[in-house]
Structure formats: C-alpha cells, structure tokens
Amino acid sequence: MSRAIKEPIPKAVVDAVWRKAAAATPQEAHAWMEDLMLRQPALDHYLFSADEHFAPSDSRGLIFLTGFLIWHVMSQNAKIRRQVARKDLDNVQKANQDWIYELEAGASLTRCDLLEKLTETCRQKSLWKTVLAALMEESSIANDLKDANRRLALLHLKTVLDCLDNLVAEPETKVEAARA
C-alpha cells in the first residue's frame, strides 16, 4: 500500500504498524532488518553508529530499534523515493542540532519545552509522539539513558524521521507527474 504522501500518516496507521512490529516473531523482525540494510544502508549504518556511540552498553539497541520502527512505519505507508544518503542524514542532523542550540541560547528550556518545540516542527506528529512515548517510557532500557544520552537519542531519531519524511515529500519527477 505504498504511496507518495504529502500529508501526515494517521495515528491509527502508526499505531497499527507499531503494534505489528512489536508483535513480530524474531524471524519477521530479522527479515525486516535485513530489508532495511538492503534498502537503506546509510540509514542502517547511522542507527547502528548512534546506538554504539551514544547509548550506555546496557541500553544499546534502543536507538536502532526505534529508528527501525520509524523507517518501518514510513516504508509501509509511503513511497520513499530513494535511498537516504549519509549527506542527507548529516545535513538534517546539523540543521536539527543548530535549531536546538538556537532555541536553548534564547531561553532556559525544560525537557518538556524542548519536546514540545521538536513536536511542533515535525510533520509526522503521530509517529513522532509514538517515538517520544517509547523513548520516555518507564522501561528499564529507556530509563538507563541519562538525560544527555536521551537528548542525543532524540536528535538522532528526529533526524531519521525528518530525512525519511523529506524523501516522501520530495516533488515527483517529470516522468511520474506525466503519468498521473
């Protein structure tokens, strides 16, 4: 049911895909992760690197798994027009990072304020809120992330979501437009 979308993915769809992924057998999850590796190698590498470098050893996997779920929701419900390039990830991460620094420079932001501002800038609000809920939940893995690491995890996951959303929202090529 992949389609080019320019509007947000509805919450019901996000929830359904998220539940399906959470209930997946190890074999299904492995196949989906192999699909990510084949279709989006730069994204796969980015998520593994973020997990390895920024998560405490007993929390590793949280950034990758959550990023994978972002990709899974997006790829199940939208036509991602091309592979994410490392340059795409670096550019979006820098833009997000600069924006956060700019926000913080002007005022003292609480974590809630920052999360609210991040949500305001996200077109895929339902998916982003689901990501936030997963990252902020009271699970032992999520709790092991210190605030600084949680903040970096948020930056990486927002970068993944923004990159994929940018690719979905890219204008159609002339050939695709002519076929419509």
C-alpha atoms as a PDB file:
ATOM      1  CA  MET A   1       0.000   0.000   0.000  1.00  0.00           C
ATOM      2  CA  SER A   2       2.951   2.327  -0.534  1.00  0.00           C
ATOM      3  CA  ARG A   3       2.019   5.660  -1.977  1.00  0.00           C
ATOM      4  CA  ALA A   4       3.553   9.063  -2.299  1.00  0.00           C
ATOM      5  CA  ILE A   5       2.110  11.128   0.513  1.00  0.00           C
ATOM      6  CA  LYS A   6       2.433  14.731   1.364  1.00  0.00           C
ATOM      7  CA  GLU A   7       0.215  14.606   4.447  1.00  0.00           C
ATOM      8  CA  PRO A   8       0.946  13.056   7.839  1.00  0.00           C
ATOM      9  CA  ILE A   9       0.431   9.354   8.407  1.00  0.00           C
ATOM     10  CA  PRO A  10      -2.705   8.976  10.580  1.00  0.00           C
ATOM     11  CA  LYS A  11      -2.260   7.898  14.224  1.00  0.00           C
ATOM     12  CA  ALA A  12      -4.345   4.752  13.698  1.00  0.00           C
ATOM     13  CA  VAL A  13      -1.953   3.633  10.945  1.00  0.00           C
ATOM     14  CA  VAL A  14       1.121   4.457  13.063  1.00  0.00           C
ATOM     15  CA  ASP A  15      -0.328   2.502  15.990  1.00  0.00           C
ATOM     16  CA  ALA A  16      -1.261  -0.493  13.837  1.00  0.00           C
ATOM     17  CA  VAL A  17       2.184  -0.776  12.210  1.00  0.00           C
ATOM     18  CA  TRP A  18       3.919  -0.181  15.562  1.00  0.00           C
ATOM     19  CA  ARG A  19       1.838  -2.950  17.206  1.00  0.00           C
ATOM     20  CA  LYS A  20       2.516  -5.310  14.291  1.00  0.00           C
ATOM     21  CA  ALA A  21       6.249  -4.677  14.582  1.00  0.00           C
ATOM     22  CA  ALA A  22       6.180  -5.104  18.368  1.00  0.00           C
ATOM     23  CA  ALA A  23       4.399  -8.459  17.961  1.00  0.00           C
ATOM     24  CA  ALA A  24       6.724  -9.700  15.219  1.00  0.00           C
ATOM     25  CA  THR A  25       8.454 -13.013  15.575  1.00  0.00           C
ATOM     26  CA  PRO A  26      12.262 -12.929  15.708  1.00  0.00           C
ATOM     27  CA  GLN A  27      12.299 -14.257  12.135  1.00  0.00           C
ATOM     28  CA  GLU A  28       9.992 -11.479  10.900  1.00  0.00           C
ATOM     29  CA  ALA A  29      11.994  -8.812  12.718  1.00  0.00           C
ATOM     30  CA  HIS A  30      15.229 -10.200  11.275  1.00  0.00           C
ATOM     31  CA  ALA A  31      13.770 -10.146   7.751  1.00  0.00           C
ATOM     32  CA  TRP A  32      12.592  -6.545   8.211  1.00  0.00           C
ATOM     33  CA  MET A  33      16.015  -5.502   9.499  1.00  0.00           C
ATOM     34  CA  GLU A  34      17.680  -7.174   6.522  1.00  0.00           C
ATOM     35  CA  ASP A  35      15.266  -5.245   4.305  1.00  0.00           C
ATOM     36  CA  LEU A  36      16.358  -2.004   5.991  1.00  0.00           C
ATOM     37  CA  MET A  37      20.001  -2.943   5.477  1.00  0.00           C
ATOM     38  CA  LEU A  38      19.423  -3.610   1.761  1.00  0.00           C
ATOM     39  CA  ARG A  39      17.116  -0.682   1.002  1.00  0.00           C
ATOM     40  CA  GLN A  40      18.658   1.957   3.257  1.00  0.00           C
ATOM     41  CA  PRO A  41      22.296   1.077   4.039  1.00  0.00           C
ATOM     42  CA  ALA A  42      23.276   4.622   5.114  1.00  0.00           C
ATOM     43  CA  LEU A  43      20.293   4.773   7.470  1.00  0.00           C
ATOM     44  CA  ASP A  44      21.119   1.328   8.857  1.00  0.00           C
ATOM     45  CA  HIS A  45      24.730   2.397   9.484  1.00  0.00           C
ATOM     46  CA  TYR A  46      23.652   5.714  11.025  1.00  0.00           C
ATOM     47  CA  LEU A  47      21.357   3.958  13.505  1.00  0.00           C
ATOM     48  CA  PHE A  48      23.943   1.337  14.461  1.00  0.00           C
ATOM     49  CA  SER A  49      26.587   4.031  14.942  1.00  0.00           C
ATOM     50  CA  ALA A  50      24.286   6.196  17.036  1.00  0.00           C
ATOM     51  CA  ASP A  51      23.417   3.241  19.238  1.00  0.00           C
ATOM     52  CA  GLU A  52      27.025   2.177  19.629  1.00  0.00           C
ATOM     53  CA  HIS A  53      28.414   5.640  20.392  1.00  0.00           C
ATOM     54  CA  PHE A  54      25.678   7.284  22.447  1.00  0.00           C
ATOM     55  CA  ALA A  55      23.806   4.616  24.346  1.00  0.00           C
ATOM     56  CA  PRO A  56      25.145   3.011  27.504  1.00  0.00           C
ATOM     57  CA  SER A  57      26.097  -0.611  26.849  1.00  0.00           C
ATOM     58  CA  ASP A  58      23.063  -1.978  28.687  1.00  0.00           C
ATOM     59  CA  SER A  59      20.731   0.289  26.645  1.00  0.00           C
ATOM     60  CA  ARG A  60      22.138  -0.472  23.226  1.00  0.00           C
ATOM     61  CA  GLY A  61      19.572  -1.328  20.644  1.00  0.00           C
ATOM     62  CA  LEU A  62      17.021   1.290  21.714  1.00  0.00           C
ATOM     63  CA  ILE A  63      18.063   3.924  19.159  1.00  0.00           C
ATOM     64  CA  PHE A  64      18.414   1.340  16.384  1.00  0.00           C
ATOM     65  CA  LEU A  65      15.113  -0.364  17.181  1.00  0.00           C
ATOM     66  CA  THR A  66      13.191   2.893  17.446  1.00  0.00           C
ATOM     67  CA  GLY A  67      14.801   4.216  14.243  1.00  0.00           C
ATOM     68  CA  PHE A  68      13.974   0.946  12.534  1.00  0.00           C
ATOM     69  CA  LEU A  69      10.340   1.314  13.613  1.00  0.00           C
ATOM     70  CA  ILE A  70      10.263   4.852  12.186  1.00  0.00           C
ATOM     71  CA  TRP A  71      11.522   3.502   8.864  1.00  0.00           C
ATOM     72  CA  HIS A  72       9.113   0.563   9.009  1.00  0.00           C
ATOM     73  CA  VAL A  73       6.076   2.819   9.554  1.00  0.00           C
ATOM     74  CA  MET A  74       7.200   5.219   6.826  1.00  0.00           C
ATOM     75  CA  SER A  75       8.065   2.480   4.320  1.00  0.00           C
ATOM     76  CA  GLN A  76       4.797   0.634   4.913  1.00  0.00           C
ATOM     77  CA  ASN A  77       2.702   3.744   4.335  1.00  0.00           C
ATOM     78  CA  ALA A  78       4.582   5.959   1.941  1.00  0.00           C
ATOM     79  CA  LYS A  79       6.697   5.736  -1.155  1.00  0.00           C
ATOM     80  CA  ILE A  80      10.218   6.630  -0.109  1.00  0.00           C
ATOM     81  CA  ARG A  81      11.605   7.899  -3.389  1.00  0.00           C
ATOM     82  CA  ARG A  82      15.271   6.997  -2.961  1.00  0.00           C
ATOM     83  CA  GLN A  83      17.884   5.824  -0.514  1.00  0.00           C
ATOM     84  CA  VAL A  84      18.807   8.148   2.296  1.00  0.00           C
ATOM     85  CA  ALA A  85      22.392   9.274   1.718  1.00  0.00           C
ATOM     86  CA  ARG A  86      24.812   9.894   4.574  1.00  0.00           C
ATOM     87  CA  LYS A  87      24.931  13.504   3.367  1.00  0.00           C
ATOM     88  CA  ASP A  88      21.137  13.760   3.869  1.00  0.00           C
ATOM     89  CA  LEU A  89      21.484  12.498   7.428  1.00  0.00           C
ATOM     90  CA  ASP A  90      24.411  14.807   8.200  1.00  0.00           C
ATOM     91  CA  ASN A  91      22.620  17.869   6.784  1.00  0.00           C
ATOM     92  CA  VAL A  92      19.371  17.196   8.634  1.00  0.00           C
ATOM     93  CA  GLN A  93      21.200  16.356  11.864  1.00  0.00           C
ATOM     94  CA  LYS A  94      23.180  19.606  11.663  1.00  0.00           C
ATOM     95  CA  ALA A  95      20.010  21.606  10.957  1.00  0.00           C
ATOM     96  CA  ASN A  96      18.234  19.973  13.916  1.00  0.00           C
ATOM     97  CA  GLN A  97      21.261  20.467  16.168  1.00  0.00           C
ATOM     98  CA  ASP A  98      21.667  24.127  15.176  1.00  0.00           C
ATOM     99  CA  TRP A  99      17.968  24.734  15.724  1.00  0.00           C
ATOM    100  CA  ILE A 100      18.093  23.169  19.205  1.00  0.00           C
ATOM    101  CA  TYR A 101      21.175  25.227  20.146  1.00  0.00           C
ATOM    102  CA  GLU A 102      19.447  28.370  18.892  1.00  0.00           C
ATOM    103  CA  LEU A 103      16.359  27.572  20.972  1.00  0.00           C
ATOM    104  CA  GLU A 104      18.406  26.938  24.081  1.00  0.00           C
ATOM    105  CA  ALA A 105      20.508  30.071  23.644  1.00  0.00           C
ATOM    106  CA  GLY A 106      17.466  32.299  23.928  1.00  0.00           C
ATOM    107  CA  ALA A 107      15.859  30.733  26.953  1.00  0.00           C
ATOM    108  CA  SER A 108      16.100  28.152  29.641  1.00  0.00           C
ATOM    109  CA  LEU A 109      14.124  25.222  28.275  1.00  0.00           C
ATOM    110  CA  THR A 110      12.847  22.340  30.307  1.00  0.00           C
ATOM    111  CA  ARG A 111      12.807  18.898  28.735  1.00  0.00           C
ATOM    112  CA  CYS A 112       9.030  19.265  28.233  1.00  0.00           C
ATOM    113  CA  ASP A 113       9.540  22.600  26.453  1.00  0.00           C
ATOM    114  CA  LEU A 114      12.138  21.091  24.147  1.00  0.00           C
ATOM    115  CA  LEU A 115       9.935  18.091  23.350  1.00  0.00           C
ATOM    116  CA  GLU A 116       7.023  20.404  22.597  1.00  0.00           C
ATOM    117  CA  LYS A 117       9.175  22.501  20.240  1.00  0.00           C
ATOM    118  CA  LEU A 118      10.501  19.371  18.500  1.00  0.00           C
ATOM    119  CA  THR A 119       6.948  18.120  18.036  1.00  0.00           C
ATOM    120  CA  GLU A 120       5.816  21.462  16.587  1.00  0.00           C
ATOM    121  CA  THR A 121       8.418  21.184  13.824  1.00  0.00           C
ATOM    122  CA  CYS A 122       7.515  17.627  12.884  1.00  0.00           C
ATOM    123  CA  ARG A 123       5.068  16.969  10.053  1.00  0.00           C
ATOM    124  CA  GLN A 124       4.628  13.348  11.147  1.00  0.00           C
ATOM    125  CA  LYS A 125       3.353  14.280  14.613  1.00  0.00           C
ATOM    126  CA  SER A 126       1.604  10.962  15.364  1.00  0.00           C
ATOM    127  CA  LEU A 127       4.722   8.982  14.561  1.00  0.00           C
ATOM    128  CA  TRP A 128       6.969  11.397  16.479  1.00  0.00           C
ATOM    129  CA  LYS A 129       4.676  11.240  19.551  1.00  0.00           C
ATOM    130  CA  THR A 130       4.844   7.442  19.413  1.00  0.00           C
ATOM    131  CA  VAL A 131       8.654   7.652  19.251  1.00  0.00           C
ATOM    132  CA  LEU A 132       8.675  10.029  22.234  1.00  0.00           C
ATOM    133  CA  ALA A 133       6.422   7.721  24.225  1.00  0.00           C
ATOM    134  CA  ALA A 134       8.753   4.792  23.531  1.00  0.00           C
ATOM    135  CA  LEU A 135      11.839   6.762  24.471  1.00  0.00           C
ATOM    136  CA  MET A 136      10.343   8.361  27.569  1.00  0.00           C
ATOM    137  CA  GLU A 137       8.513   5.337  28.927  1.00  0.00           C
ATOM    138  CA  GLU A 138       9.449   3.942  32.272  1.00  0.00           C
ATOM    139  CA  SER A 139      11.073   0.812  30.881  1.00  0.00           C
ATOM    140  CA  SER A 140      14.424  -0.233  32.236  1.00  0.00           C
ATOM    141  CA  ILE A 141      16.130   0.282  28.861  1.00  0.00           C
ATOM    142  CA  ALA A 142      14.676   3.773  28.350  1.00  0.00           C
ATOM    143  CA  ASN A 143      15.459   4.710  31.956  1.00  0.00           C
ATOM    144  CA  ASP A 144      19.102   3.711  31.501  1.00  0.00           C
ATOM    145  CA  LEU A 145      19.536   6.587  29.080  1.00  0.00           C
ATOM    146  CA  LYS A 146      20.821   9.568  31.020  1.00  0.00           C
ATOM    147  CA  ASP A 147      19.317  12.925  30.071  1.00  0.00           C
ATOM    148  CA  ALA A 148      22.305  13.833  27.868  1.00  0.00           C
ATOM    149  CA  ASN A 149      22.119  10.475  26.084  1.00  0.00           C
ATOM    150  CA  ARG A 150      18.340  10.697  25.803  1.00  0.00           C
ATOM    151  CA  ARG A 151      18.768  14.108  24.210  1.00  0.00           C
ATOM    152  CA  LEU A 152      21.224  12.678  21.664  1.00  0.00           C
ATOM    153  CA  ALA A 153      18.880   9.774  21.019  1.00  0.00           C
ATOM    154  CA  LEU A 154      16.078  12.271  20.340  1.00  0.00           C
ATOM    155  CA  LEU A 155      18.327  14.190  17.958  1.00  0.00           C
ATOM    156  CA  HIS A 156      19.222  11.021  16.029  1.00  0.00           C
ATOM    157  CA  LEU A 157      15.651   9.767  15.866  1.00  0.00           C
ATOM    158  CA  LYS A 158      14.278  13.171  14.799  1.00  0.00           C
ATOM    159  CA  THR A 159      16.984  13.220  12.118  1.00  0.00           C
ATOM    160  CA  VAL A 160      15.856   9.802  10.824  1.00  0.00           C
ATOM    161  CA  LEU A 161      12.194  10.833  10.800  1.00  0.00           C
ATOM    162  CA  ASP A 162      12.914  14.162   9.102  1.00  0.00           C
ATOM    163  CA  CYS A 163      15.121  12.545   6.439  1.00  0.00           C
ATOM    164  CA  LEU A 164      12.520   9.938   5.557  1.00  0.00           C
ATOM    165  CA  ASP A 165       9.738  12.495   5.628  1.00  0.00           C
ATOM    166  CA  ASN A 166      11.751  14.774   3.316  1.00  0.00           C
ATOM    167  CA  LEU A 167      12.186  11.910   0.851  1.00  0.00           C
ATOM    168  CA  VAL A 168       8.467  11.123   0.925  1.00  0.00           C
ATOM    169  CA  ALA A 169       7.579  14.772   0.398  1.00  0.00           C
ATOM    170  CA  GLU A 170      10.093  15.326  -2.440  1.00  0.00           C
ATOM    171  CA  PRO A 171       8.401  16.528  -5.624  1.00  0.00           C
ATOM    172  CA  GLU A 172       7.625  13.898  -8.192  1.00  0.00           C
ATOM    173  CA  THR A 173       9.864  13.664 -11.208  1.00  0.00           C
ATOM    174  CA  LYS A 174       8.558  14.900 -14.558  1.00  0.00           C
ATOM    175  CA  VAL A 175       8.046  11.314 -15.725  1.00  0.00           C
ATOM    176  CA  GLU A 176       5.945  10.454 -12.660  1.00  0.00           C
ATOM    177  CA  ALA A 177       3.965  13.677 -12.989  1.00  0.00           C
ATOM    178  CA  ALA A 178       3.270  12.958 -16.691  1.00  0.00           C
ATOM    179  CA  ARG A 179       1.870   9.518 -15.806  1.00  0.00           C
ATOM    180  CA  ALA A 180      -0.571  10.958 -13.256  1.00  0.00           C
END
